Amino acid sequence: MDMDKTVKLDIIGMTCDGCRETVQKALNSSDSVCHAKVNLASKTAEVMLEDDGTIDQAIQAVKDSGYDAKKA
């Protein structure tokens, strides 16, 4: 089994802890994401992708939750 890939995303539009929870839940619910931790203060997410997951899938999960993201 290959090592998981960890990427960092800039999250756009988060203003409160509720926003952070929404984004983190969306990422962790995505089939492409193994684990995600979202930081409100830095407005970033550290995302561990599944072996077949892509950064574009993780970004789309954030967009689907009502926020935007780009590779940090």
PDB file of N, CA and C in Angstrom:
ATOM      1  N   MET A   1       0.834  -1.186   0.000  1.00  0.00           N
ATOM      2  CA  MET A   1       0.000   0.000   0.000  1.00  0.00           C
ATOM      3  C   MET A   1       0.881   1.252   0.000  1.00  0.00           C
ATOM      4  N   ASP A   2       0.523   2.209  -0.843  1.00  0.00           N
ATOM      5  CA  ASP A   2       1.281   3.451  -0.926  1.00  0.00           C
ATOM      6  C   ASP A   2       1.013   4.321   0.295  1.00  0.00           C
ATOM      7  N   MET A   3       1.954   5.207   0.569  1.00  0.00           N
ATOM      8  CA  MET A   3       1.753   6.164   1.662  1.00  0.00           C
ATOM      9  C   MET A   3       0.668   7.153   1.257  1.00  0.00           C
ATOM     10  N   ASP A   4      -0.097   7.606   2.238  1.00  0.00           N
ATOM     11  CA  ASP A   4      -1.108   8.619   1.961  1.00  0.00           C
ATOM     12  C   ASP A   4      -0.420   9.923   1.578  1.00  0.00           C
ATOM     13  N   LYS A   5      -1.129  10.707   0.783  1.00  0.00           N
ATOM     14  CA  LYS A   5      -0.613  12.001   0.358  1.00  0.00           C
ATOM     15  C   LYS A   5      -1.239  13.089   1.217  1.00  0.00           C
ATOM     16  N   THR A   6      -0.407  13.960   1.764  1.00  0.00           N
ATOM     17  CA  THR A   6      -0.911  15.075   2.554  1.00  0.00           C
ATOM     18  C   THR A   6      -0.714  16.361   1.775  1.00  0.00           C
ATOM     19  N   VAL A   7      -1.781  17.151   1.675  1.00  0.00           N
ATOM     20  CA  VAL A   7      -1.726  18.430   0.978  1.00  0.00           C
ATOM     21  C   VAL A   7      -2.292  19.509   1.898  1.00  0.00           C
ATOM     22  N   LYS A   8      -1.913  20.733   1.633  1.00  0.00           N
ATOM     23  CA  LYS A   8      -2.418  21.861   2.408  1.00  0.00           C
ATOM     24  C   LYS A   8      -3.263  22.732   1.484  1.00  0.00           C
ATOM     25  N   LEU A   9      -4.443  23.093   1.974  1.00  0.00           N
ATOM     26  CA  LEU A   9      -5.351  23.949   1.214  1.00  0.00           C
ATOM     27  C   LEU A   9      -5.570  25.257   1.941  1.00  0.00           C
ATOM     28  N   ASP A  10      -5.684  26.339   1.189  1.00  0.00           N
ATOM     29  CA  ASP A  10      -6.172  27.607   1.717  1.00  0.00           C
ATOM     30  C   ASP A  10      -7.682  27.570   1.579  1.00  0.00           C
ATOM     31  N   ILE A  11      -8.400  27.838   2.677  1.00  0.00           N
ATOM     32  CA  ILE A  11      -9.856  27.834   2.661  1.00  0.00           C
ATOM     33  C   ILE A  11     -10.339  29.280   2.624  1.00  0.00           C
ATOM     34  N   ILE A  12     -11.216  29.587   1.685  1.00  0.00           N
ATOM     35  CA  ILE A  12     -11.695  30.946   1.478  1.00  0.00           C
ATOM     36  C   ILE A  12     -13.148  31.046   1.924  1.00  0.00           C
ATOM     37  N   GLY A  13     -13.417  32.010   2.795  1.00  0.00           N
ATOM     38  CA  GLY A  13     -14.788  32.267   3.209  1.00  0.00           C
ATOM     39  C   GLY A  13     -15.127  31.854   4.633  1.00  0.00           C
ATOM     40  N   MET A  14     -14.206  31.205   5.336  1.00  0.00           N
ATOM     41  CA  MET A  14     -14.478  30.809   6.725  1.00  0.00           C
ATOM     42  C   MET A  14     -14.376  32.031   7.636  1.00  0.00           C
ATOM     43  N   THR A  15     -15.377  32.210   8.505  1.00  0.00           N
ATOM     44  CA  THR A  15     -15.341  33.344   9.428  1.00  0.00           C
ATOM     45  C   THR A  15     -15.550  32.943  10.883  1.00  0.00           C
ATOM     46  N   CYS A  16     -15.965  31.710  11.130  1.00  0.00           N
ATOM     47  CA  CYS A  16     -16.261  31.303  12.507  1.00  0.00           C
ATOM     48  C   CYS A  16     -16.005  29.805  12.676  1.00  0.00           C
ATOM     49  N   ASP A  17     -16.137  29.328  13.914  1.00  0.00           N
ATOM     50  CA  ASP A  17     -15.886  27.915  14.181  1.00  0.00           C
ATOM     51  C   ASP A  17     -16.930  27.025  13.507  1.00  0.00           C
ATOM     52  N   GLY A  18     -18.138  27.543  13.340  1.00  0.00           N
ATOM     53  CA  GLY A  18     -19.160  26.778  12.613  1.00  0.00           C
ATOM     54  C   GLY A  18     -18.738  26.536  11.171  1.00  0.00           C
ATOM     55  N   CYS A  19     -18.137  27.568  10.561  1.00  0.00           N
ATOM     56  CA  CYS A  19     -17.611  27.424   9.194  1.00  0.00           C
ATOM     57  C   CYS A  19     -16.540  26.333   9.157  1.00  0.00           C
ATOM     58  N   ARG A  20     -15.633  26.402  10.140  1.00  0.00           N
ATOM     59  CA  ARG A  20     -14.543  25.422  10.197  1.00  0.00           C
ATOM     60  C   ARG A  20     -15.095  24.011  10.305  1.00  0.00           C
ATOM     61  N   GLU A  21     -16.096  23.834  11.168  1.00  0.00           N
ATOM     62  CA  GLU A  21     -16.694  22.506  11.341  1.00  0.00           C
ATOM     63  C   GLU A  21     -17.353  22.021  10.053  1.00  0.00           C
ATOM     64  N   THR A  22     -18.035  22.926   9.344  1.00  0.00           N
ATOM     65  CA  THR A  22     -18.693  22.564   8.084  1.00  0.00           C
ATOM     66  C   THR A  22     -17.672  22.086   7.064  1.00  0.00           C
ATOM     67  N   VAL A  23     -16.582  22.833   6.920  1.00  0.00           N
ATOM     68  CA  VAL A  23     -15.546  22.477   5.947  1.00  0.00           C
ATOM     69  C   VAL A  23     -14.869  21.169   6.351  1.00  0.00           C
ATOM     70  N   GLN A  24     -14.540  21.029   7.632  1.00  0.00           N
ATOM     71  CA  GLN A  24     -13.870  19.808   8.088  1.00  0.00           C
ATOM     72  C   GLN A  24     -14.764  18.586   7.883  1.00  0.00           C
ATOM     73  N   LYS A  25     -16.056  18.729   8.182  1.00  0.00           N
ATOM     74  CA  LYS A  25     -16.992  17.615   7.991  1.00  0.00           C
ATOM     75  C   LYS A  25     -17.095  17.246   6.503  1.00  0.00           C
ATOM     76  N   ALA A  26     -17.158  18.258   5.644  1.00  0.00           N
ATOM     77  CA  ALA A  26     -17.252  18.004   4.200  1.00  0.00           C
ATOM     78  C   ALA A  26     -16.016  17.263   3.700  1.00  0.00           C
ATOM     79  N   LEU A  27     -14.846  17.695   4.143  1.00  0.00           N
ATOM     80  CA  LEU A  27     -13.613  17.025   3.717  1.00  0.00           C
ATOM     81  C   LEU A  27     -13.552  15.597   4.240  1.00  0.00           C
ATOM     82  N   ASN A  28     -13.855  15.409   5.515  1.00  0.00           N
ATOM     83  CA  ASN A  28     -13.778  14.066   6.092  1.00  0.00           C
ATOM     84  C   ASN A  28     -14.845  13.130   5.551  1.00  0.00           C
ATOM     85  N   SER A  29     -15.913  13.678   4.971  1.00  0.00           N
ATOM     86  CA  SER A  29     -16.963  12.856   4.369  1.00  0.00           C
ATOM     87  C   SER A  29     -16.648  12.480   2.927  1.00  0.00           C
ATOM     88  N   SER A  30     -15.666  13.133   2.346  1.00  0.00           N
ATOM     89  CA  SER A  30     -15.308  12.884   0.947  1.00  0.00           C
ATOM     90  C   SER A  30     -14.606  11.541   0.799  1.00  0.00           C
ATOM     91  N   ASP A  31     -14.978  10.786  -0.232  1.00  0.00           N
ATOM     92  CA  ASP A  31     -14.343   9.492  -0.498  1.00  0.00           C
ATOM     93  C   ASP A  31     -12.853   9.634  -0.813  1.00  0.00           C
ATOM     94  N   SER A  32     -12.440  10.810  -1.272  1.00  0.00           N
ATOM     95  CA  SER A  32     -11.039  11.008  -1.660  1.00  0.00           C
ATOM     96  C   SER A  32     -10.142  11.365  -0.479  1.00  0.00           C
ATOM     97  N   VAL A  33     -10.763  11.648   0.686  1.00  0.00           N
ATOM     98  CA  VAL A  33     -10.000  12.124   1.842  1.00  0.00           C
ATOM     99  C   VAL A  33      -9.964  11.059   2.935  1.00  0.00           C
ATOM    100  N   CYS A  34      -8.757  10.791   3.423  1.00  0.00           N
ATOM    101  CA  CYS A  34      -8.571   9.864   4.536  1.00  0.00           C
ATOM    102  C   CYS A  34      -8.836  10.591   5.860  1.00  0.00           C
ATOM    103  N   HIS A  35      -8.262  11.795   5.989  1.00  0.00           N
ATOM    104  CA  HIS A  35      -8.440  12.601   7.206  1.00  0.00           C
ATOM    105  C   HIS A  35      -8.156  14.059   6.872  1.00  0.00           C
ATOM    106  N   ALA A  36      -8.903  14.959   7.501  1.00  0.00           N
ATOM    107  CA  ALA A  36      -8.665  16.391   7.301  1.00  0.00           C
ATOM    108  C   ALA A  36      -8.768  17.119   8.625  1.00  0.00           C
ATOM    109  N   LYS A  37      -7.910  18.112   8.797  1.00  0.00           N
ATOM    110  CA  LYS A  37      -7.963  18.983   9.970  1.00  0.00           C
ATOM    111  C   LYS A  37      -7.948  20.416   9.468  1.00  0.00           C
ATOM    112  N   VAL A  38      -8.980  21.176   9.848  1.00  0.00           N
ATOM    113  CA  VAL A  38      -9.131  22.549   9.376  1.00  0.00           C
ATOM    114  C   VAL A  38      -8.782  23.505  10.508  1.00  0.00           C
ATOM    115  N   ASN A  39      -7.999  24.537  10.179  1.00  0.00           N
ATOM    116  CA  ASN A  39      -7.574  25.529  11.162  1.00  0.00           C
ATOM    117  C   ASN A  39      -8.205  26.867  10.803  1.00  0.00           C
ATOM    118  N   LEU A  40      -9.084  27.371  11.678  1.00  0.00           N
ATOM    119  CA  LEU A  40      -9.768  28.634  11.419  1.00  0.00           C
ATOM    120  C   LEU A  40      -8.804  29.814  11.445  1.00  0.00           C
ATOM    121  N   ALA A  41      -7.895  29.838  12.405  1.00  0.00           N
ATOM    122  CA  ALA A  41      -6.984  30.979  12.559  1.00  0.00           C
ATOM    123  C   ALA A  41      -6.134  31.199  11.309  1.00  0.00           C
ATOM    124  N   SER A  42      -5.611  30.118  10.734  1.00  0.00           N
ATOM    125  CA  SER A  42      -4.767  30.239   9.536  1.00  0.00           C
ATOM    126  C   SER A  42      -5.561  30.085   8.245  1.00  0.00           C
ATOM    127  N   LYS A  43      -6.855  29.754   8.391  1.00  0.00           N
ATOM    128  CA  LYS A  43      -7.738  29.531   7.238  1.00  0.00           C
ATOM    129  C   LYS A  43      -7.140  28.518   6.264  1.00  0.00           C
ATOM    130  N   THR A  44      -6.659  27.419   6.852  1.00  0.00           N
ATOM    131  CA  THR A  44      -6.070  26.349   6.054  1.00  0.00           C
ATOM    132  C   THR A  44      -6.635  24.998   6.477  1.00  0.00           C
ATOM    133  N   ALA A  45      -6.431  24.031   5.613  1.00  0.00           N
ATOM    134  CA  ALA A  45      -6.793  22.655   5.921  1.00  0.00           C
ATOM    135  C   ALA A  45      -5.617  21.765   5.562  1.00  0.00           C
ATOM    136  N   GLU A  46      -5.285  20.854   6.464  1.00  0.00           N
ATOM    137  CA  GLU A  46      -4.296  19.833   6.170  1.00  0.00           C
ATOM    138  C   GLU A  46      -5.083  18.572   5.836  1.00  0.00           C
ATOM    139  N   VAL A  47      -4.917  18.100   4.616  1.00  0.00           N
ATOM    140  CA  VAL A  47      -5.755  17.028   4.098  1.00  0.00           C
ATOM    141  C   VAL A  47      -4.892  15.832   3.720  1.00  0.00           C
ATOM    142  N   MET A  48      -5.207  14.673   4.299  1.00  0.00           N
ATOM    143  CA  MET A  48      -4.545  13.431   3.940  1.00  0.00           C
ATOM    144  C   MET A  48      -5.444  12.728   2.929  1.00  0.00           C
ATOM    145  N   LEU A  49      -4.957  12.634   1.707  1.00  0.00           N
ATOM    146  CA  LEU A  49      -5.743  12.032   0.632  1.00  0.00           C
ATOM    147  C   LEU A  49      -5.617  10.519   0.633  1.00  0.00           C
ATOM    148  N   GLU A  50      -6.689   9.856   0.235  1.00  0.00           N
ATOM    149  CA  GLU A  50      -6.632   8.412  -0.003  1.00  0.00           C
ATOM    150  C   GLU A  50      -5.662   8.164  -1.154  1.00  0.00           C
ATOM    151  N   ASP A  51      -5.220   6.925  -1.318  1.00  0.00           N
ATOM    152  CA  ASP A  51      -4.261   6.599  -2.377  1.00  0.00           C
ATOM    153  C   ASP A  51      -4.750   7.036  -3.754  1.00  0.00           C
ATOM    154  N   ASP A  52      -6.059   6.911  -3.995  1.00  0.00           N
ATOM    155  CA  ASP A  52      -6.598   7.272  -5.311  1.00  0.00           C
ATOM    156  C   ASP A  52      -7.270   8.643  -5.311  1.00  0.00           C
ATOM    157  N   GLY A  53      -7.151   9.372  -4.206  1.00  0.00           N
ATOM    158  CA  GLY A  53      -7.767  10.690  -4.101  1.00  0.00           C
ATOM    159  C   GLY A  53      -6.914  11.767  -4.754  1.00  0.00           C
ATOM    160  N   THR A  54      -7.568  12.829  -5.198  1.00  0.00           N
ATOM    161  CA  THR A  54      -6.841  13.936  -5.812  1.00  0.00           C
ATOM    162  C   THR A  54      -7.153  15.234  -5.072  1.00  0.00           C
ATOM    163  N   ILE A  55      -6.259  16.195  -5.221  1.00  0.00           N
ATOM    164  CA  ILE A  55      -6.472  17.493  -4.593  1.00  0.00           C
ATOM    165  C   ILE A  55      -7.723  18.163  -5.167  1.00  0.00           C
ATOM    166  N   ASP A  56      -7.992  17.938  -6.456  1.00  0.00           N
ATOM    167  CA  ASP A  56      -9.188  18.524  -7.071  1.00  0.00           C
ATOM    168  C   ASP A  56     -10.469  18.001  -6.414  1.00  0.00           C
ATOM    169  N   GLN A  57     -10.476  16.727  -6.038  1.00  0.00           N
ATOM    170  CA  GLN A  57     -11.643  16.160  -5.355  1.00  0.00           C
ATOM    171  C   GLN A  57     -11.816  16.795  -3.979  1.00  0.00           C
ATOM    172  N   ALA A  58     -10.719  17.033  -3.283  1.00  0.00           N
ATOM    173  CA  ALA A  58     -10.785  17.672  -1.967  1.00  0.00           C
ATOM    174  C   ALA A  58     -11.294  19.106  -2.099  1.00  0.00           C
ATOM    175  N   ILE A  59     -10.792  19.831  -3.094  1.00  0.00           N
ATOM    176  CA  ILE A  59     -11.252  21.204  -3.333  1.00  0.00           C
ATOM    177  C   ILE A  59     -12.734  21.209  -3.662  1.00  0.00           C
ATOM    178  N   GLN A  60     -13.183  20.253  -4.455  1.00  0.00           N
ATOM    179  CA  GLN A  60     -14.606  20.184  -4.814  1.00  0.00           C
ATOM    180  C   GLN A  60     -15.462  19.915  -3.580  1.00  0.00           C
ATOM    181  N   ALA A  61     -14.981  19.110  -2.653  1.00  0.00           N
ATOM    182  CA  ALA A  61     -15.724  18.844  -1.414  1.00  0.00           C
ATOM    183  C   ALA A  61     -15.918  20.140  -0.629  1.00  0.00           C
ATOM    184  N   VAL A  62     -14.874  20.975  -0.593  1.00  0.00           N
ATOM    185  CA  VAL A  62     -14.985  22.267   0.092  1.00  0.00           C
ATOM    186  C   VAL A  62     -15.992  23.154  -0.628  1.00  0.00           C
ATOM    187  N   LYS A  63     -15.909  23.204  -1.959  1.00  0.00           N
ATOM    188  CA  LYS A  63     -16.848  24.025  -2.742  1.00  0.00           C
ATOM    189  C   LYS A  63     -18.288  23.560  -2.540  1.00  0.00           C
ATOM    190  N   ASP A  64     -18.473  22.252  -2.461  1.00  0.00           N
ATOM    191  CA  ASP A  64     -19.821  21.709  -2.263  1.00  0.00           C
ATOM    192  C   ASP A  64     -20.390  22.095  -0.900  1.00  0.00           C
ATOM    193  N   SER A  65     -19.510  22.432   0.055  1.00  0.00           N
ATOM    194  CA  SER A  65     -19.969  22.832   1.390  1.00  0.00           C
ATOM    195  C   SER A  65     -20.242  24.330   1.487  1.00  0.00           C
ATOM    196  N   GLY A  66     -20.021  25.055   0.387  1.00  0.00           N
ATOM    197  CA  GLY A  66     -20.340  26.479   0.354  1.00  0.00           C
ATOM    198  C   GLY A  66     -19.156  27.404   0.518  1.00  0.00           C
ATOM    199  N   TYR A  67     -17.950  26.862   0.496  1.00  0.00           N
ATOM    200  CA  TYR A  67     -16.741  27.671   0.648  1.00  0.00           C
ATOM    201  C   TYR A  67     -15.862  27.439  -0.568  1.00  0.00           C
ATOM    202  N   ASP A  68     -14.709  28.077  -0.598  1.00  0.00           N
ATOM    203  CA  ASP A  68     -13.792  27.873  -1.716  1.00  0.00           C
ATOM    204  C   ASP A  68     -12.447  27.448  -1.157  1.00  0.00           C
ATOM    205  N   ALA A  69     -11.643  26.852  -2.016  1.00  0.00           N
ATOM    206  CA  ALA A  69     -10.336  26.378  -1.589  1.00  0.00           C
ATOM    207  C   ALA A  69      -9.373  26.404  -2.770  1.00  0.00           C
ATOM    208  N   LYS A  70      -8.096  26.525  -2.435  1.00  0.00           N
ATOM    209  CA  LYS A  70      -7.042  26.410  -3.440  1.00  0.00           C
ATOM    210  C   LYS A  70      -5.834  25.791  -2.768  1.00  0.00           C
ATOM    211  N   LYS A  71      -4.959  25.234  -3.580  1.00  0.00           N
ATOM    212  CA  LYS A  71      -3.755  24.622  -3.025  1.00  0.00           C
ATOM    213  C   LYS A  71      -2.901  25.707  -2.379  1.00  0.00           C
ATOM    214  N   ALA A  72      -2.454  25.443  -1.177  1.00  0.00           N
ATOM    215  CA  ALA A  72      -1.647  26.438  -0.435  1.00  0.00           C
ATOM    216  C   ALA A  72      -0.224  26.478  -0.980  1.00  0.00           C
TER     217      ALA A  72
END
